[in-house]
Amino acid sequence: MSYRVSTIQPFEREIKCSIRKYRSLPDEYGQLIESLADNPRQGTSLGSWL
């Protein structure tokens, strides 16, 4: 099964501004995307609405 990570426009604007302030953000964001590709159902369940 394959998944695709997508973002919303306000997030894209915020991350571009934040990259200037936090230099490690591009690497950390890339690691997050890779981690989600390996295990897309990671994290803590917030309820049973899925």
PDB file of N, CA and C in Angstrom:
ATOM      1  N   MET A   1       0.846  -1.169   0.000  1.00  0.00           N
ATOM      2  CA  MET A   1       0.000   0.000   0.000  1.00  0.00           C
ATOM      3  C   MET A   1       0.895   1.237   0.000  1.00  0.00           C
ATOM      4  N   SER A   2       0.592   2.207  -0.826  1.00  0.00           N
ATOM      5  CA  SER A   2       1.404   3.427  -0.856  1.00  0.00           C
ATOM      6  C   SER A   2       0.595   4.613  -0.340  1.00  0.00           C
ATOM      7  N   TYR A   3       1.300   5.522   0.284  1.00  0.00           N
ATOM      8  CA  TYR A   3       0.693   6.721   0.834  1.00  0.00           C
ATOM      9  C   TYR A   3       1.399   7.937   0.264  1.00  0.00           C
ATOM     10  N   ARG A   4       0.699   9.035   0.267  1.00  0.00           N
ATOM     11  CA  ARG A   4       1.285  10.296  -0.185  1.00  0.00           C
ATOM     12  C   ARG A   4       1.051  11.332   0.904  1.00  0.00           C
ATOM     13  N   VAL A   5       2.090  12.046   1.286  1.00  0.00           N
ATOM     14  CA  VAL A   5       1.975  13.087   2.296  1.00  0.00           C
ATOM     15  C   VAL A   5       1.646  14.387   1.584  1.00  0.00           C
ATOM     16  N   SER A   6       0.556  15.019   1.984  1.00  0.00           N
ATOM     17  CA  SER A   6       0.202  16.306   1.383  1.00  0.00           C
ATOM     18  C   SER A   6      -0.002  17.323   2.492  1.00  0.00           C
ATOM     19  N   THR A   7       0.181  18.582   2.159  1.00  0.00           N
ATOM     20  CA  THR A   7       0.051  19.660   3.128  1.00  0.00           C
ATOM     21  C   THR A   7      -0.953  20.682   2.616  1.00  0.00           C
ATOM     22  N   ILE A   8      -1.344  21.580   3.491  1.00  0.00           N
ATOM     23  CA  ILE A   8      -2.248  22.648   3.102  1.00  0.00           C
ATOM     24  C   ILE A   8      -1.445  23.931   2.909  1.00  0.00           C
ATOM     25  N   GLN A   9      -1.990  24.861   2.173  1.00  0.00           N
ATOM     26  CA  GLN A   9      -1.298  26.085   1.800  1.00  0.00           C
ATOM     27  C   GLN A   9      -0.781  26.890   3.007  1.00  0.00           C
ATOM     28  N   PRO A  10      -1.568  27.090   4.063  1.00  0.00           N
ATOM     29  CA  PRO A  10      -1.025  27.842   5.206  1.00  0.00           C
ATOM     30  C   PRO A  10       0.215  27.185   5.826  1.00  0.00           C
ATOM     31  N   PHE A  11       0.251  25.857   5.847  1.00  0.00           N
ATOM     32  CA  PHE A  11       1.424  25.153   6.374  1.00  0.00           C
ATOM     33  C   PHE A  11       2.639  25.426   5.501  1.00  0.00           C
ATOM     34  N   GLU A  12       2.460  25.405   4.205  1.00  0.00           N
ATOM     35  CA  GLU A  12       3.568  25.669   3.285  1.00  0.00           C
ATOM     36  C   GLU A  12       4.169  27.053   3.526  1.00  0.00           C
ATOM     37  N   ARG A  13       3.313  28.058   3.723  1.00  0.00           N
ATOM     38  CA  ARG A  13       3.800  29.417   3.997  1.00  0.00           C
ATOM     39  C   ARG A  13       4.546  29.474   5.318  1.00  0.00           C
ATOM     40  N   GLU A  14       3.989  28.844   6.340  1.00  0.00           N
ATOM     41  CA  GLU A  14       4.609  28.863   7.667  1.00  0.00           C
ATOM     42  C   GLU A  14       5.963  28.157   7.674  1.00  0.00           C
ATOM     43  N   ILE A  15       6.051  27.039   6.984  1.00  0.00           N
ATOM     44  CA  ILE A  15       7.323  26.305   7.000  1.00  0.00           C
ATOM     45  C   ILE A  15       8.401  27.080   6.243  1.00  0.00           C
ATOM     46  N   LYS A  16       8.035  27.768   5.181  1.00  0.00           N
ATOM     47  CA  LYS A  16       9.015  28.585   4.453  1.00  0.00           C
ATOM     48  C   LYS A  16       9.567  29.694   5.340  1.00  0.00           C
ATOM     49  N   CYS A  17       8.703  30.334   6.115  1.00  0.00           N
ATOM     50  CA  CYS A  17       9.151  31.387   7.035  1.00  0.00           C
ATOM     51  C   CYS A  17       9.973  30.796   8.178  1.00  0.00           C
ATOM     52  N   SER A  18       9.591  29.647   8.652  1.00  0.00           N
ATOM     53  CA  SER A  18      10.278  29.017   9.781  1.00  0.00           C
ATOM     54  C   SER A  18      11.658  28.501   9.400  1.00  0.00           C
ATOM     55  N   ILE A  19      11.860  28.142   8.144  1.00  0.00           N
ATOM     56  CA  ILE A  19      13.157  27.632   7.695  1.00  0.00           C
ATOM     57  C   ILE A  19      14.239  28.689   7.895  1.00  0.00           C
ATOM     58  N   ARG A  20      13.888  29.946   7.738  1.00  0.00           N
ATOM     59  CA  ARG A  20      14.870  31.014   7.946  1.00  0.00           C
ATOM     60  C   ARG A  20      15.320  31.084   9.403  1.00  0.00           C
ATOM     61  N   LYS A  21      14.402  30.807  10.314  1.00  0.00           N
ATOM     62  CA  LYS A  21      14.697  30.898  11.743  1.00  0.00           C
ATOM     63  C   LYS A  21      15.334  29.620  12.281  1.00  0.00           C
ATOM     64  N   TYR A  22      14.860  28.477  11.820  1.00  0.00           N
ATOM     65  CA  TYR A  22      15.340  27.183  12.306  1.00  0.00           C
ATOM     66  C   TYR A  22      16.063  26.465  11.173  1.00  0.00           C
ATOM     67  N   ARG A  23      17.384  26.532  11.183  1.00  0.00           N
ATOM     68  CA  ARG A  23      18.194  25.994  10.087  1.00  0.00           C
ATOM     69  C   ARG A  23      18.104  24.476   9.948  1.00  0.00           C
ATOM     70  N   SER A  24      17.782  23.769  11.024  1.00  0.00           N
ATOM     71  CA  SER A  24      17.710  22.302  10.957  1.00  0.00           C
ATOM     72  C   SER A  24      16.345  21.817  10.480  1.00  0.00           C
ATOM     73  N   LEU A  25      15.400  22.714  10.293  1.00  0.00           N
ATOM     74  CA  LEU A  25      14.035  22.336   9.930  1.00  0.00           C
ATOM     75  C   LEU A  25      13.941  21.541   8.626  1.00  0.00           C
ATOM     76  N   PRO A  26      14.640  21.909   7.571  1.00  0.00           N
ATOM     77  CA  PRO A  26      14.522  21.091   6.346  1.00  0.00           C
ATOM     78  C   PRO A  26      14.929  19.637   6.558  1.00  0.00           C
ATOM     79  N   ASP A  27      15.998  19.416   7.331  1.00  0.00           N
ATOM     80  CA  ASP A  27      16.426  18.039   7.607  1.00  0.00           C
ATOM     81  C   ASP A  27      15.394  17.305   8.451  1.00  0.00           C
ATOM     82  N   GLU A  28      14.888  17.969   9.476  1.00  0.00           N
ATOM     83  CA  GLU A  28      13.911  17.340  10.357  1.00  0.00           C
ATOM     84  C   GLU A  28      12.602  17.052   9.619  1.00  0.00           C
ATOM     85  N   TYR A  29      12.199  17.951   8.755  1.00  0.00           N
ATOM     86  CA  TYR A  29      10.986  17.753   7.966  1.00  0.00           C
ATOM     87  C   TYR A  29      11.171  16.568   7.012  1.00  0.00           C
ATOM     88  N   GLY A  30      12.339  16.477   6.408  1.00  0.00           N
ATOM     89  CA  GLY A  30      12.644  15.345   5.527  1.00  0.00           C
ATOM     90  C   GLY A  30      12.626  14.023   6.275  1.00  0.00           C
ATOM     91  N   GLN A  31      13.170  14.016   7.491  1.00  0.00           N
ATOM     92  CA  GLN A  31      13.151  12.810   8.311  1.00  0.00           C
ATOM     93  C   GLN A  31      11.722  12.414   8.669  1.00  0.00           C
ATOM     94  N   LEU A  32      10.888  13.405   8.939  1.00  0.00           N
ATOM     95  CA  LEU A  32       9.485  13.121   9.249  1.00  0.00           C
ATOM     96  C   LEU A  32       8.785  12.469   8.060  1.00  0.00           C
ATOM     97  N   ILE A  33       8.997  12.998   6.878  1.00  0.00           N
ATOM     98  CA  ILE A  33       8.374  12.439   5.672  1.00  0.00           C
ATOM     99  C   ILE A  33       8.858  11.002   5.447  1.00  0.00           C
ATOM    100  N   GLU A  34      10.164  10.765   5.625  1.00  0.00           N
ATOM    101  CA  GLU A  34      10.695   9.405   5.473  1.00  0.00           C
ATOM    102  C   GLU A  34      10.102   8.462   6.514  1.00  0.00           C
ATOM    103  N   SER A  35       9.986   8.948   7.739  1.00  0.00           N
ATOM    104  CA  SER A  35       9.421   8.133   8.813  1.00  0.00           C
ATOM    105  C   SER A  35       7.969   7.781   8.514  1.00  0.00           C
ATOM    106  N   LEU A  36       7.228   8.728   7.998  1.00  0.00           N
ATOM    107  CA  LEU A  36       5.827   8.467   7.639  1.00  0.00           C
ATOM    108  C   LEU A  36       5.729   7.503   6.460  1.00  0.00           C
ATOM    109  N   ALA A  37       6.694   7.554   5.555  1.00  0.00           N
ATOM    110  CA  ALA A  37       6.691   6.621   4.431  1.00  0.00           C
ATOM    111  C   ALA A  37       6.919   5.193   4.922  1.00  0.00           C
ATOM    112  N   ASP A  38       7.781   5.039   5.933  1.00  0.00           N
ATOM    113  CA  ASP A  38       8.065   3.710   6.483  1.00  0.00           C
ATOM    114  C   ASP A  38       6.908   3.186   7.332  1.00  0.00           C
ATOM    115  N   ASN A  39       6.291   4.075   8.104  1.00  0.00           N
ATOM    116  CA  ASN A  39       5.223   3.657   9.015  1.00  0.00           C
ATOM    117  C   ASN A  39       4.142   4.746   9.034  1.00  0.00           C
ATOM    118  N   PRO A  40       3.214   4.733   8.090  1.00  0.00           N
ATOM    119  CA  PRO A  40       2.222   5.808   7.981  1.00  0.00           C
ATOM    120  C   PRO A  40       1.202   5.849   9.113  1.00  0.00           C
ATOM    121  N   ARG A  41       1.080   4.802   9.890  1.00  0.00           N
ATOM    122  CA  ARG A  41       0.091   4.773  10.970  1.00  0.00           C
ATOM    123  C   ARG A  41       0.727   4.984  12.340  1.00  0.00           C
ATOM    124  N   GLN A  42       1.892   5.620  12.362  1.00  0.00           N
ATOM    125  CA  GLN A  42       2.569   5.858  13.637  1.00  0.00           C
ATOM    126  C   GLN A  42       1.876   6.970  14.416  1.00  0.00           C
ATOM    127  N   GLY A  43       2.150   7.030  15.686  1.00  0.00           N
ATOM    128  CA  GLY A  43       1.575   8.066  16.528  1.00  0.00           C
ATOM    129  C   GLY A  43       0.537   7.517  17.464  1.00  0.00           C
ATOM    130  N   THR A  44      -0.091   8.426  18.163  1.00  0.00           N
ATOM    131  CA  THR A  44      -1.095   8.076  19.156  1.00  0.00           C
ATOM    132  C   THR A  44      -2.493   8.353  18.610  1.00  0.00           C
ATOM    133  N   SER A  45      -3.357   7.397  18.735  1.00  0.00           N
ATOM    134  CA  SER A  45      -4.733   7.567  18.271  1.00  0.00           C
ATOM    135  C   SER A  45      -5.456   8.631  19.087  1.00  0.00           C
ATOM    136  N   LEU A  46      -6.162   9.506  18.417  1.00  0.00           N
ATOM    137  CA  LEU A  46      -6.933  10.546  19.078  1.00  0.00           C
ATOM    138  C   LEU A  46      -8.402  10.196  19.163  1.00  0.00           C
ATOM    139  N   GLY A  47      -8.738   9.010  18.738  1.00  0.00           N
ATOM    140  CA  GLY A  47     -10.127   8.575  18.776  1.00  0.00           C
ATOM    141  C   GLY A  47     -10.367   7.490  17.747  1.00  0.00           C
ATOM    142  N   SER A  48     -11.607   7.122  17.602  1.00  0.00           N
ATOM    143  CA  SER A  48     -11.924   6.041  16.667  1.00  0.00           C
ATOM    144  C   SER A  48     -12.749   6.574  15.493  1.00  0.00           C
ATOM    145  N   TRP A  49     -12.396   7.698  14.947  1.00  0.00           N
ATOM    146  CA  TRP A  49     -13.155   8.317  13.855  1.00  0.00           C
ATOM    147  C   TRP A  49     -12.658   7.901  12.484  1.00  0.00           C
ATOM    148  N   LEU A  50     -11.669   7.023  12.412  1.00  0.00           N
ATOM    149  CA  LEU A  50     -11.208   6.540  11.108  1.00  0.00           C
ATOM    150  C   LEU A  50     -11.865   5.246  10.750  1.00  0.00           C
TER     151      LEU A  50
END
